[in-house]
């Protein structure tokens, strides 16, 4: 039986996350800074999770961030049912354009 594997060139166009994530971090920090000092760790964590998600959702909905495209190759294989699948997980940095720039900036700060 023939091994059915291959490589597919994929072009992704998505929001450029480099500026969006910077704005998200700034807004999340400001929201957390406004919390009362006597907030418990549990309340803090619950607020942080909820608020940071709301901020990210609002920023994504704003459509004020430019789009960018990236082309990359993905290894694929064919299953016994004839369905083609990605051979290994995709790195989110590949699809979420600019996320790696934001991550690198955080590491350097």
PDB file of N, CA and C in Angstrom:
ATOM      1  N   UNK A   1       0.842  -1.196   0.000  1.00  0.00           N
ATOM      2  CA  UNK A   1       0.000   0.000   0.000  1.00  0.00           C
ATOM      3  C   UNK A   1       0.878   1.248   0.000  1.00  0.00           C
ATOM      4  N   UNK A   2       0.488   2.185  -0.782  1.00  0.00           N
ATOM      5  CA  UNK A   2       1.242   3.424  -0.965  1.00  0.00           C
ATOM      6  C   UNK A   2       1.034   4.376   0.219  1.00  0.00           C
ATOM      7  N   UNK A   3       2.140   4.968   0.679  1.00  0.00           N
ATOM      8  CA  UNK A   3       2.080   5.961   1.757  1.00  0.00           C
ATOM      9  C   UNK A   3       1.522   7.258   1.177  1.00  0.00           C
ATOM     10  N   UNK A   4       0.417   7.735   1.730  1.00  0.00           N
ATOM     11  CA  UNK A   4      -0.246   8.918   1.194  1.00  0.00           C
ATOM     12  C   UNK A   4       0.009  10.111   2.112  1.00  0.00           C
ATOM     13  N   UNK A   5       1.133  10.778   1.872  1.00  0.00           N
ATOM     14  CA  UNK A   5       1.471  11.976   2.628  1.00  0.00           C
ATOM     15  C   UNK A   5       1.824  13.075   1.638  1.00  0.00           C
ATOM     16  N   UNK A   6       1.888  14.265   2.125  1.00  0.00           N
ATOM     17  CA  UNK A   6       2.248  15.356   1.236  1.00  0.00           C
ATOM     18  C   UNK A   6       2.459  16.639   2.000  1.00  0.00           C
ATOM     19  N   UNK A   7       2.683  17.677   1.252  1.00  0.00           N
ATOM     20  CA  UNK A   7       2.865  19.008   1.802  1.00  0.00           C
ATOM     21  C   UNK A   7       1.935  19.944   1.048  1.00  0.00           C
ATOM     22  N   UNK A   8       1.252  20.779   1.785  1.00  0.00           N
ATOM     23  CA  UNK A   8       0.330  21.734   1.192  1.00  0.00           C
ATOM     24  C   UNK A   8       0.802  23.143   1.537  1.00  0.00           C
ATOM     25  N   UNK A   9       0.839  23.999   0.536  1.00  0.00           N
ATOM     26  CA  UNK A   9       1.177  25.404   0.777  1.00  0.00           C
ATOM     27  C   UNK A   9      -0.130  26.114   1.148  1.00  0.00           C
ATOM     28  N   UNK A  10      -0.103  26.804   2.283  1.00  0.00           N
ATOM     29  CA  UNK A  10      -1.298  27.465   2.811  1.00  0.00           C
ATOM     30  C   UNK A  10      -1.025  28.956   2.933  1.00  0.00           C
ATOM     31  N   UNK A  11      -1.987  29.768   2.496  1.00  0.00           N
ATOM     32  CA  UNK A  11      -1.888  31.217   2.683  1.00  0.00           C
ATOM     33  C   UNK A  11      -2.992  31.615   3.662  1.00  0.00           C
ATOM     34  N   UNK A  12      -2.586  32.249   4.736  1.00  0.00           N
ATOM     35  CA  UNK A  12      -3.528  32.698   5.756  1.00  0.00           C
ATOM     36  C   UNK A  12      -3.530  34.219   5.780  1.00  0.00           C
ATOM     37  N   UNK A  13      -4.717  34.805   5.752  1.00  0.00           N
ATOM     38  CA  UNK A  13      -4.876  36.239   5.942  1.00  0.00           C
ATOM     39  C   UNK A  13      -5.674  36.413   7.218  1.00  0.00           C
ATOM     40  N   UNK A  14      -5.133  37.188   8.125  1.00  0.00           N
ATOM     41  CA  UNK A  14      -5.737  37.321   9.439  1.00  0.00           C
ATOM     42  C   UNK A  14      -5.397  38.706   9.993  1.00  0.00           C
ATOM     43  N   UNK A  15      -6.028  39.052  11.091  1.00  0.00           N
ATOM     44  CA  UNK A  15      -5.683  40.276  11.801  1.00  0.00           C
ATOM     45  C   UNK A  15      -4.220  40.215  12.202  1.00  0.00           C
ATOM     46  N   UNK A  16      -3.516  41.326  12.059  1.00  0.00           N
ATOM     47  CA  UNK A  16      -2.136  41.404  12.547  1.00  0.00           C
ATOM     48  C   UNK A  16      -2.207  41.617  14.061  1.00  0.00           C
ATOM     49  N   UNK A  17      -1.841  40.581  14.807  1.00  0.00           N
ATOM     50  CA  UNK A  17      -2.011  40.600  16.255  1.00  0.00           C
ATOM     51  C   UNK A  17      -0.939  41.382  17.000  1.00  0.00           C
ATOM     52  N   UNK A  18       0.108  41.853  16.330  1.00  0.00           N
ATOM     53  CA  UNK A  18       1.199  42.515  17.053  1.00  0.00           C
ATOM     54  C   UNK A  18       0.704  43.761  17.800  1.00  0.00           C
ATOM     55  N   UNK A  19      -0.016  44.649  17.149  1.00  0.00           N
ATOM     56  CA  UNK A  19      -0.537  45.847  17.816  1.00  0.00           C
ATOM     57  C   UNK A  19      -1.748  45.530  18.686  1.00  0.00           C
ATOM     58  N   UNK A  20      -2.601  44.635  18.216  1.00  0.00           N
ATOM     59  CA  UNK A  20      -3.800  44.280  18.975  1.00  0.00           C
ATOM     60  C   UNK A  20      -3.421  43.732  20.353  1.00  0.00           C
ATOM     61  N   UNK A  21      -2.442  42.852  20.414  1.00  0.00           N
ATOM     62  CA  UNK A  21      -2.060  42.256  21.695  1.00  0.00           C
ATOM     63  C   UNK A  21      -1.418  43.282  22.617  1.00  0.00           C
ATOM     64  N   UNK A  22      -0.721  44.229  22.061  1.00  0.00           N
ATOM     65  CA  UNK A  22      -0.143  45.295  22.875  1.00  0.00           C
ATOM     66  C   UNK A  22      -1.260  46.137  23.504  1.00  0.00           C
ATOM     67  N   UNK A  23      -2.270  46.476  22.710  1.00  0.00           N
ATOM     68  CA  UNK A  23      -3.417  47.223  23.230  1.00  0.00           C
ATOM     69  C   UNK A  23      -4.162  46.402  24.285  1.00  0.00           C
ATOM     70  N   UNK A  24      -4.301  45.105  24.023  1.00  0.00           N
ATOM     71  CA  UNK A  24      -4.979  44.206  24.967  1.00  0.00           C
ATOM     72  C   UNK A  24      -4.245  44.193  26.308  1.00  0.00           C
ATOM     73  N   UNK A  25      -2.932  44.078  26.273  1.00  0.00           N
ATOM     74  CA  UNK A  25      -2.145  44.050  27.503  1.00  0.00           C
ATOM     75  C   UNK A  25      -2.299  45.369  28.259  1.00  0.00           C
ATOM     76  N   UNK A  26      -2.214  46.498  27.551  1.00  0.00           N
ATOM     77  CA  UNK A  26      -2.358  47.804  28.184  1.00  0.00           C
ATOM     78  C   UNK A  26      -3.718  47.957  28.853  1.00  0.00           C
ATOM     79  N   UNK A  27      -4.775  47.613  28.128  1.00  0.00           N
ATOM     80  CA  UNK A  27      -6.133  47.770  28.670  1.00  0.00           C
ATOM     81  C   UNK A  27      -6.390  46.817  29.838  1.00  0.00           C
ATOM     82  N   UNK A  28      -5.853  45.601  29.752  1.00  0.00           N
ATOM     83  CA  UNK A  28      -6.034  44.638  30.835  1.00  0.00           C
ATOM     84  C   UNK A  28      -5.312  45.102  32.094  1.00  0.00           C
ATOM     85  N   UNK A  29      -4.107  45.610  31.941  1.00  0.00           N
ATOM     86  CA  UNK A  29      -3.345  46.122  33.090  1.00  0.00           C
ATOM     87  C   UNK A  29      -4.079  47.293  33.737  1.00  0.00           C
ATOM     88  N   UNK A  30      -4.628  48.197  32.930  1.00  0.00           N
ATOM     89  CA  UNK A  30      -5.367  49.339  33.469  1.00  0.00           C
ATOM     90  C   UNK A  30      -6.620  48.878  34.221  1.00  0.00           C
ATOM     91  N   UNK A  31      -7.306  47.875  33.707  1.00  0.00           N
ATOM     92  CA  UNK A  31      -8.514  47.363  34.367  1.00  0.00           C
ATOM     93  C   UNK A  31      -8.164  46.727  35.709  1.00  0.00           C
ATOM     94  N   UNK A  32      -7.074  45.978  35.732  1.00  0.00           N
ATOM     95  CA  UNK A  32      -6.633  45.313  36.972  1.00  0.00           C
ATOM     96  C   UNK A  32      -6.154  46.351  37.985  1.00  0.00           C
ATOM     97  N   UNK A  33      -5.485  47.395  37.510  1.00  0.00           N
ATOM     98  CA  UNK A  33      -4.966  48.422  38.406  1.00  0.00           C
ATOM     99  C   UNK A  33      -6.082  49.174  39.133  1.00  0.00           C
ATOM    100  N   UNK A  34      -7.269  49.192  38.539  1.00  0.00           N
ATOM    101  CA  UNK A  34      -8.400  49.909  39.138  1.00  0.00           C
ATOM    102  C   UNK A  34      -9.148  49.071  40.177  1.00  0.00           C
ATOM    103  N   UNK A  35      -8.723  47.829  40.380  1.00  0.00           N
ATOM    104  CA  UNK A  35      -9.411  46.963  41.351  1.00  0.00           C
ATOM    105  C   UNK A  35      -9.075  47.395  42.781  1.00  0.00           C
ATOM    106  N   UNK A  36     -10.005  47.191  43.717  1.00  0.00           N
ATOM    107  CA  UNK A  36      -9.726  47.523  45.125  1.00  0.00           C
ATOM    108  C   UNK A  36      -8.562  46.692  45.669  1.00  0.00           C
ATOM    109  N   UNK A  37      -7.795  47.278  46.596  1.00  0.00           N
ATOM    110  CA  UNK A  37      -6.628  46.590  47.155  1.00  0.00           C
ATOM    111  C   UNK A  37      -6.984  45.342  47.948  1.00  0.00           C
ATOM    112  N   UNK A  38      -8.184  45.304  48.524  1.00  0.00           N
ATOM    113  CA  UNK A  38      -8.562  44.158  49.363  1.00  0.00           C
ATOM    114  C   UNK A  38      -9.200  43.013  48.565  1.00  0.00           C
ATOM    115  N   UNK A  39      -9.024  43.012  47.257  1.00  0.00           N
ATOM    116  CA  UNK A  39      -9.561  41.950  46.407  1.00  0.00           C
ATOM    117  C   UNK A  39      -8.832  40.638  46.713  1.00  0.00           C
ATOM    118  N   UNK A  40      -9.613  39.570  46.886  1.00  0.00           N
ATOM    119  CA  UNK A  40      -8.992  38.262  47.144  1.00  0.00           C
ATOM    120  C   UNK A  40      -8.363  37.726  45.859  1.00  0.00           C
ATOM    121  N   UNK A  41      -7.457  36.781  46.010  1.00  0.00           N
ATOM    122  CA  UNK A  41      -6.799  36.173  44.850  1.00  0.00           C
ATOM    123  C   UNK A  41      -7.831  35.505  43.943  1.00  0.00           C
ATOM    124  N   UNK A  42      -8.803  34.853  44.536  1.00  0.00           N
ATOM    125  CA  UNK A  42      -9.855  34.189  43.752  1.00  0.00           C
ATOM    126  C   UNK A  42     -10.662  35.217  42.952  1.00  0.00           C
ATOM    127  N   UNK A  43     -11.046  36.318  43.597  1.00  0.00           N
ATOM    128  CA  UNK A  43     -11.784  37.376  42.902  1.00  0.00           C
ATOM    129  C   UNK A  43     -10.928  38.006  41.802  1.00  0.00           C
ATOM    130  N   UNK A  44      -9.646  38.212  42.103  1.00  0.00           N
ATOM    131  CA  UNK A  44      -8.719  38.782  41.130  1.00  0.00           C
ATOM    132  C   UNK A  44      -8.625  37.888  39.893  1.00  0.00           C
ATOM    133  N   UNK A  45      -8.406  36.597  40.106  1.00  0.00           N
ATOM    134  CA  UNK A  45      -8.265  35.661  38.982  1.00  0.00           C
ATOM    135  C   UNK A  45      -9.543  35.590  38.153  1.00  0.00           C
ATOM    136  N   UNK A  46     -10.695  35.569  38.834  1.00  0.00           N
ATOM    137  CA  UNK A  46     -11.977  35.517  38.125  1.00  0.00           C
ATOM    138  C   UNK A  46     -12.186  36.782  37.290  1.00  0.00           C
ATOM    139  N   UNK A  47     -11.899  37.948  37.886  1.00  0.00           N
ATOM    140  CA  UNK A  47     -12.026  39.225  37.180  1.00  0.00           C
ATOM    141  C   UNK A  47     -11.070  39.279  35.990  1.00  0.00           C
ATOM    142  N   UNK A  48      -9.824  38.889  36.229  1.00  0.00           N
ATOM    143  CA  UNK A  48      -8.806  38.945  35.177  1.00  0.00           C
ATOM    144  C   UNK A  48      -9.213  38.091  33.978  1.00  0.00           C
ATOM    145  N   UNK A  49      -9.657  36.889  34.223  1.00  0.00           N
ATOM    146  CA  UNK A  49     -10.060  35.989  33.140  1.00  0.00           C
ATOM    147  C   UNK A  49     -11.239  36.576  32.357  1.00  0.00           C
ATOM    148  N   UNK A  50     -12.250  37.044  33.079  1.00  0.00           N
ATOM    149  CA  UNK A  50     -13.442  37.595  32.433  1.00  0.00           C
ATOM    150  C   UNK A  50     -13.119  38.894  31.697  1.00  0.00           C
ATOM    151  N   UNK A  51     -12.456  39.813  32.374  1.00  0.00           N
ATOM    152  CA  UNK A  51     -12.188  41.139  31.800  1.00  0.00           C
ATOM    153  C   UNK A  51     -11.230  41.062  30.613  1.00  0.00           C
ATOM    154  N   UNK A  52     -10.183  40.255  30.727  1.00  0.00           N
ATOM    155  CA  UNK A  52      -9.226  40.169  29.617  1.00  0.00           C
ATOM    156  C   UNK A  52      -9.893  39.572  28.378  1.00  0.00           C
ATOM    157  N   UNK A  53     -10.815  38.622  28.578  1.00  0.00           N
ATOM    158  CA  UNK A  53     -11.569  38.056  27.457  1.00  0.00           C
ATOM    159  C   UNK A  53     -12.482  39.083  26.807  1.00  0.00           C
ATOM    160  N   UNK A  54     -13.148  39.897  27.642  1.00  0.00           N
ATOM    161  CA  UNK A  54     -14.026  40.952  27.118  1.00  0.00           C
ATOM    162  C   UNK A  54     -13.214  41.973  26.322  1.00  0.00           C
ATOM    163  N   UNK A  55     -12.071  42.354  26.862  1.00  0.00           N
ATOM    164  CA  UNK A  55     -11.225  43.343  26.183  1.00  0.00           C
ATOM    165  C   UNK A  55     -10.758  42.795  24.835  1.00  0.00           C
ATOM    166  N   UNK A  56     -10.305  41.550  24.811  1.00  0.00           N
ATOM    167  CA  UNK A  56      -9.850  40.943  23.557  1.00  0.00           C
ATOM    168  C   UNK A  56     -10.992  40.880  22.546  1.00  0.00           C
ATOM    169  N   UNK A  57     -12.161  40.483  23.000  1.00  0.00           N
ATOM    170  CA  UNK A  57     -13.328  40.406  22.115  1.00  0.00           C
ATOM    171  C   UNK A  57     -13.670  41.775  21.531  1.00  0.00           C
ATOM    172  N   UNK A  58     -13.660  42.800  22.374  1.00  0.00           N
ATOM    173  CA  UNK A  58     -13.961  44.161  21.910  1.00  0.00           C
ATOM    174  C   UNK A  58     -12.928  44.653  20.901  1.00  0.00           C
ATOM    175  N   UNK A  59     -11.655  44.378  21.168  1.00  0.00           N
ATOM    176  CA  UNK A  59     -10.603  44.815  20.244  1.00  0.00           C
ATOM    177  C   UNK A  59     -10.731  44.115  18.895  1.00  0.00           C
ATOM    178  N   UNK A  60     -11.018  42.810  18.926  1.00  0.00           N
ATOM    179  CA  UNK A  60     -11.188  42.072  17.667  1.00  0.00           C
ATOM    180  C   UNK A  60     -12.394  42.593  16.881  1.00  0.00           C
ATOM    181  N   UNK A  61     -13.460  42.950  17.588  1.00  0.00           N
ATOM    182  CA  UNK A  61     -14.674  43.450  16.929  1.00  0.00           C
ATOM    183  C   UNK A  61     -14.497  44.862  16.376  1.00  0.00           C
ATOM    184  N   UNK A  62     -13.507  45.585  16.869  1.00  0.00           N
ATOM    185  CA  UNK A  62     -13.333  46.984  16.463  1.00  0.00           C
ATOM    186  C   UNK A  62     -12.891  47.132  15.011  1.00  0.00           C
ATOM    187  N   UNK A  63     -12.298  46.115  14.447  1.00  0.00           N
ATOM    188  CA  UNK A  63     -11.803  46.144  13.059  1.00  0.00           C
ATOM    189  C   UNK A  63     -10.833  47.288  12.789  1.00  0.00           C
ATOM    190  N   UNK A  64     -10.151  47.781  13.830  1.00  0.00           N
ATOM    191  CA  UNK A  64      -9.207  48.884  13.608  1.00  0.00           C
ATOM    192  C   UNK A  64      -7.791  48.384  13.329  1.00  0.00           C
ATOM    193  N   UNK A  65      -7.602  47.073  13.339  1.00  0.00           N
ATOM    194  CA  UNK A  65      -6.268  46.510  13.115  1.00  0.00           C
ATOM    195  C   UNK A  65      -6.164  45.985  11.696  1.00  0.00           C
ATOM    196  N   UNK A  66      -5.029  46.268  11.067  1.00  0.00           N
ATOM    197  CA  UNK A  66      -4.827  45.851   9.684  1.00  0.00           C
ATOM    198  C   UNK A  66      -4.698  44.332   9.602  1.00  0.00           C
ATOM    199  N   UNK A  67      -4.907  43.828   8.420  1.00  0.00           N
ATOM    200  CA  UNK A  67      -4.724  42.401   8.158  1.00  0.00           C
ATOM    201  C   UNK A  67      -3.353  42.189   7.540  1.00  0.00           C
ATOM    202  N   UNK A  68      -2.876  40.979   7.665  1.00  0.00           N
ATOM    203  CA  UNK A  68      -1.607  40.602   7.044  1.00  0.00           C
ATOM    204  C   UNK A  68      -1.759  39.169   6.537  1.00  0.00           C
ATOM    205  N   UNK A  69      -0.926  38.803   5.595  1.00  0.00           N
ATOM    206  CA  UNK A  69      -0.955  37.443   5.042  1.00  0.00           C
ATOM    207  C   UNK A  69       0.379  36.769   5.272  1.00  0.00           C
ATOM    208  N   UNK A  70       0.321  35.480   5.418  1.00  0.00           N
ATOM    209  CA  UNK A  70       1.525  34.676   5.594  1.00  0.00           C
ATOM    210  C   UNK A  70       1.299  33.362   4.852  1.00  0.00           C
ATOM    211  N   UNK A  71       2.332  32.914   4.141  1.00  0.00           N
ATOM    212  CA  UNK A  71       2.270  31.636   3.434  1.00  0.00           C
ATOM    213  C   UNK A  71       3.241  30.675   4.101  1.00  0.00           C
ATOM    214  N   UNK A  72       2.789  29.455   4.327  1.00  0.00           N
ATOM    215  CA  UNK A  72       3.631  28.442   4.950  1.00  0.00           C
ATOM    216  C   UNK A  72       3.214  27.068   4.460  1.00  0.00           C
ATOM    217  N   UNK A  73       4.039  26.082   4.734  1.00  0.00           N
ATOM    218  CA  UNK A  73       3.750  24.717   4.302  1.00  0.00           C
ATOM    219  C   UNK A  73       3.294  23.883   5.491  1.00  0.00           C
ATOM    220  N   UNK A  74       2.346  22.984   5.213  1.00  0.00           N
ATOM    221  CA  UNK A  74       1.787  22.101   6.230  1.00  0.00           C
ATOM    222  C   UNK A  74       1.915  20.665   5.744  1.00  0.00           C
ATOM    223  N   UNK A  75       2.451  19.791   6.603  1.00  0.00           N
ATOM    224  CA  UNK A  75       2.533  18.364   6.268  1.00  0.00           C
ATOM    225  C   UNK A  75       1.160  17.732   6.482  1.00  0.00           C
ATOM    226  N   UNK A  76       0.705  16.946   5.501  1.00  0.00           N
ATOM    227  CA  UNK A  76      -0.604  16.300   5.579  1.00  0.00           C
ATOM    228  C   UNK A  76      -0.470  14.805   5.290  1.00  0.00           C
ATOM    229  N   UNK A  77      -1.499  14.060   5.685  1.00  0.00           N
ATOM    230  CA  UNK A  77      -1.562  12.632   5.372  1.00  0.00           C
ATOM    231  C   UNK A  77      -3.014  12.264   5.083  1.00  0.00           C
ATOM    232  N   UNK A  78      -3.190  11.164   4.337  1.00  0.00           N
ATOM    233  CA  UNK A  78      -4.526  10.696   4.001  1.00  0.00           C
ATOM    234  C   UNK A  78      -4.909   9.542   4.910  1.00  0.00           C
ATOM    235  N   UNK A  79      -6.109   9.611   5.489  1.00  0.00           N
ATOM    236  CA  UNK A  79      -6.593   8.540   6.366  1.00  0.00           C
ATOM    237  C   UNK A  79      -7.132   7.388   5.520  1.00  0.00           C
ATOM    238  N   UNK A  80      -7.447   6.282   6.184  1.00  0.00           N
ATOM    239  CA  UNK A  80      -8.011   5.128   5.478  1.00  0.00           C
ATOM    240  C   UNK A  80      -9.337   5.465   4.810  1.00  0.00           C
ATOM    241  N   UNK A  81     -10.043   6.463   5.348  1.00  0.00           N
ATOM    242  CA  UNK A  81     -11.334   6.890   4.787  1.00  0.00           C
ATOM    243  C   UNK A  81     -11.174   7.868   3.626  1.00  0.00           C
ATOM    244  N   UNK A  82      -9.933   8.168   3.251  1.00  0.00           N
ATOM    245  CA  UNK A  82      -9.698   9.086   2.150  1.00  0.00           C
ATOM    246  C   UNK A  82      -9.734  10.550   2.543  1.00  0.00           C
ATOM    247  N   UNK A  83      -9.735  10.826   3.839  1.00  0.00           N
ATOM    248  CA  UNK A  83      -9.768  12.206   4.326  1.00  0.00           C
ATOM    249  C   UNK A  83      -8.335  12.681   4.580  1.00  0.00           C
ATOM    250  N   UNK A  84      -8.039  13.903   4.146  1.00  0.00           N
ATOM    251  CA  UNK A  84      -6.707  14.470   4.362  1.00  0.00           C
ATOM    252  C   UNK A  84      -6.699  15.241   5.670  1.00  0.00           C
ATOM    253  N   UNK A  85      -5.658  15.022   6.471  1.00  0.00           N
ATOM    254  CA  UNK A  85      -5.537  15.685   7.776  1.00  0.00           C
ATOM    255  C   UNK A  85      -4.131  16.260   7.935  1.00  0.00           C
ATOM    256  N   UNK A  86      -4.033  17.251   8.823  1.00  0.00           N
ATOM    257  CA  UNK A  86      -2.742  17.855   9.127  1.00  0.00           C
ATOM    258  C   UNK A  86      -1.933  16.852   9.952  1.00  0.00           C
ATOM    259  N   UNK A  87      -0.682  16.664   9.591  1.00  0.00           N
ATOM    260  CA  UNK A  87       0.154  15.641  10.222  1.00  0.00           C
ATOM    261  C   UNK A  87       0.537  15.982  11.658  1.00  0.00           C
ATOM    262  N   UNK A  88       0.658  17.230  11.989  1.00  0.00           N
ATOM    263  CA  UNK A  88       0.975  17.617  13.361  1.00  0.00           C
ATOM    264  C   UNK A  88       0.293  18.939  13.662  1.00  0.00           C
ATOM    265  N   UNK A  89       0.222  19.283  14.935  1.00  0.00           N
ATOM    266  CA  UNK A  89      -0.457  20.518  15.325  1.00  0.00           C
ATOM    267  C   UNK A  89       0.180  21.743  14.709  1.00  0.00           C
ATOM    268  N   UNK A  90      -0.643  22.738  14.460  1.00  0.00           N
ATOM    269  CA  UNK A  90      -0.136  24.010  13.933  1.00  0.00           C
ATOM    270  C   UNK A  90       0.269  24.905  15.088  1.00  0.00           C
ATOM    271  N   UNK A  91       1.388  25.549  14.953  1.00  0.00           N
ATOM    272  CA  UNK A  91       1.838  26.537  15.925  1.00  0.00           C
ATOM    273  C   UNK A  91       0.919  27.754  15.799  1.00  0.00           C
ATOM    274  N   UNK A  92       0.271  28.178  16.897  1.00  0.00           N
ATOM    275  CA  UNK A  92      -0.626  29.344  16.807  1.00  0.00           C
ATOM    276  C   UNK A  92       0.072  30.576  16.237  1.00  0.00           C
ATOM    277  N   UNK A  93       1.375  30.704  16.445  1.00  0.00           N
ATOM    278  CA  UNK A  93       2.116  31.854  15.910  1.00  0.00           C
ATOM    279  C   UNK A  93       2.093  31.882  14.393  1.00  0.00           C
ATOM    280  N   UNK A  94       1.903  30.719  13.769  1.00  0.00           N
ATOM    281  CA  UNK A  94       1.865  30.662  12.310  1.00  0.00           C
ATOM    282  C   UNK A  94       0.570  31.246  11.778  1.00  0.00           C
ATOM    283  N   UNK A  95      -0.532  30.962  12.452  1.00  0.00           N
ATOM    284  CA  UNK A  95      -1.849  31.384  11.980  1.00  0.00           C
ATOM    285  C   UNK A  95      -2.229  32.756  12.526  1.00  0.00           C
ATOM    286  N   UNK A  96      -1.881  33.024  13.774  1.00  0.00           N
ATOM    287  CA  UNK A  96      -2.199  34.315  14.394  1.00  0.00           C
ATOM    288  C   UNK A  96      -1.039  35.266  14.132  1.00  0.00           C
ATOM    289  N   UNK A  97      -1.093  35.898  12.999  1.00  0.00           N
ATOM    290  CA  UNK A  97       0.003  36.724  12.496  1.00  0.00           C
ATOM    291  C   UNK A  97       0.319  37.856  13.467  1.00  0.00           C
ATOM    292  N   UNK A  98       1.603  37.986  13.808  1.00  0.00           N
ATOM    293  CA  UNK A  98       2.053  39.039  14.704  1.00  0.00           C
ATOM    294  C   UNK A  98       2.099  38.613  16.152  1.00  0.00           C
ATOM    295  N   UNK A  99       1.505  37.469  16.491  1.00  0.00           N
ATOM    296  CA  UNK A  99       1.523  36.999  17.872  1.00  0.00           C
ATOM    297  C   UNK A  99       2.951  36.695  18.312  1.00  0.00           C
ATOM    298  N   UNK A 100       3.754  36.160  17.414  1.00  0.00           N
ATOM    299  CA  UNK A 100       5.152  35.859  17.753  1.00  0.00           C
ATOM    300  C   UNK A 100       5.938  37.149  18.004  1.00  0.00           C
ATOM    301  N   UNK A 101       5.622  38.228  17.266  1.00  0.00           N
ATOM    302  CA  UNK A 101       6.285  39.519  17.516  1.00  0.00           C
ATOM    303  C   UNK A 101       5.965  40.020  18.916  1.00  0.00           C
ATOM    304  N   UNK A 102       4.688  39.891  19.312  1.00  0.00           N
ATOM    305  CA  UNK A 102       4.252  40.322  20.641  1.00  0.00           C
ATOM    306  C   UNK A 102       4.938  39.481  21.713  1.00  0.00           C
ATOM    307  N   UNK A 103       5.002  38.173  21.505  1.00  0.00           N
ATOM    308  CA  UNK A 103       5.647  37.272  22.467  1.00  0.00           C
ATOM    309  C   UNK A 103       7.124  37.610  22.631  1.00  0.00           C
ATOM    310  N   UNK A 104       7.793  37.886  21.524  1.00  0.00           N
ATOM    311  CA  UNK A 104       9.206  38.251  21.583  1.00  0.00           C
ATOM    312  C   UNK A 104       9.409  39.566  22.316  1.00  0.00           C
ATOM    313  N   UNK A 105       8.532  40.526  22.098  1.00  0.00           N
ATOM    314  CA  UNK A 105       8.620  41.824  22.775  1.00  0.00           C
ATOM    315  C   UNK A 105       8.448  41.635  24.287  1.00  0.00           C
ATOM    316  N   UNK A 106       7.546  40.753  24.694  1.00  0.00           N
ATOM    317  CA  UNK A 106       7.358  40.484  26.121  1.00  0.00           C
ATOM    318  C   UNK A 106       8.618  39.882  26.751  1.00  0.00           C
ATOM    319  N   UNK A 107       9.235  38.957  26.023  1.00  0.00           N
ATOM    320  CA  UNK A 107      10.448  38.297  26.539  1.00  0.00           C
ATOM    321  C   UNK A 107      11.585  39.307  26.719  1.00  0.00           C
ATOM    322  N   UNK A 108      11.641  40.315  25.836  1.00  0.00           N
ATOM    323  CA  UNK A 108      12.739  41.280  25.882  1.00  0.00           C
ATOM    324  C   UNK A 108      12.507  42.374  26.927  1.00  0.00           C
ATOM    325  N   UNK A 109      11.272  42.527  27.392  1.00  0.00           N
ATOM    326  CA  UNK A 109      10.990  43.618  28.338  1.00  0.00           C
ATOM    327  C   UNK A 109      11.253  43.215  29.767  1.00  0.00           C
TER     328      UNK A 109
END
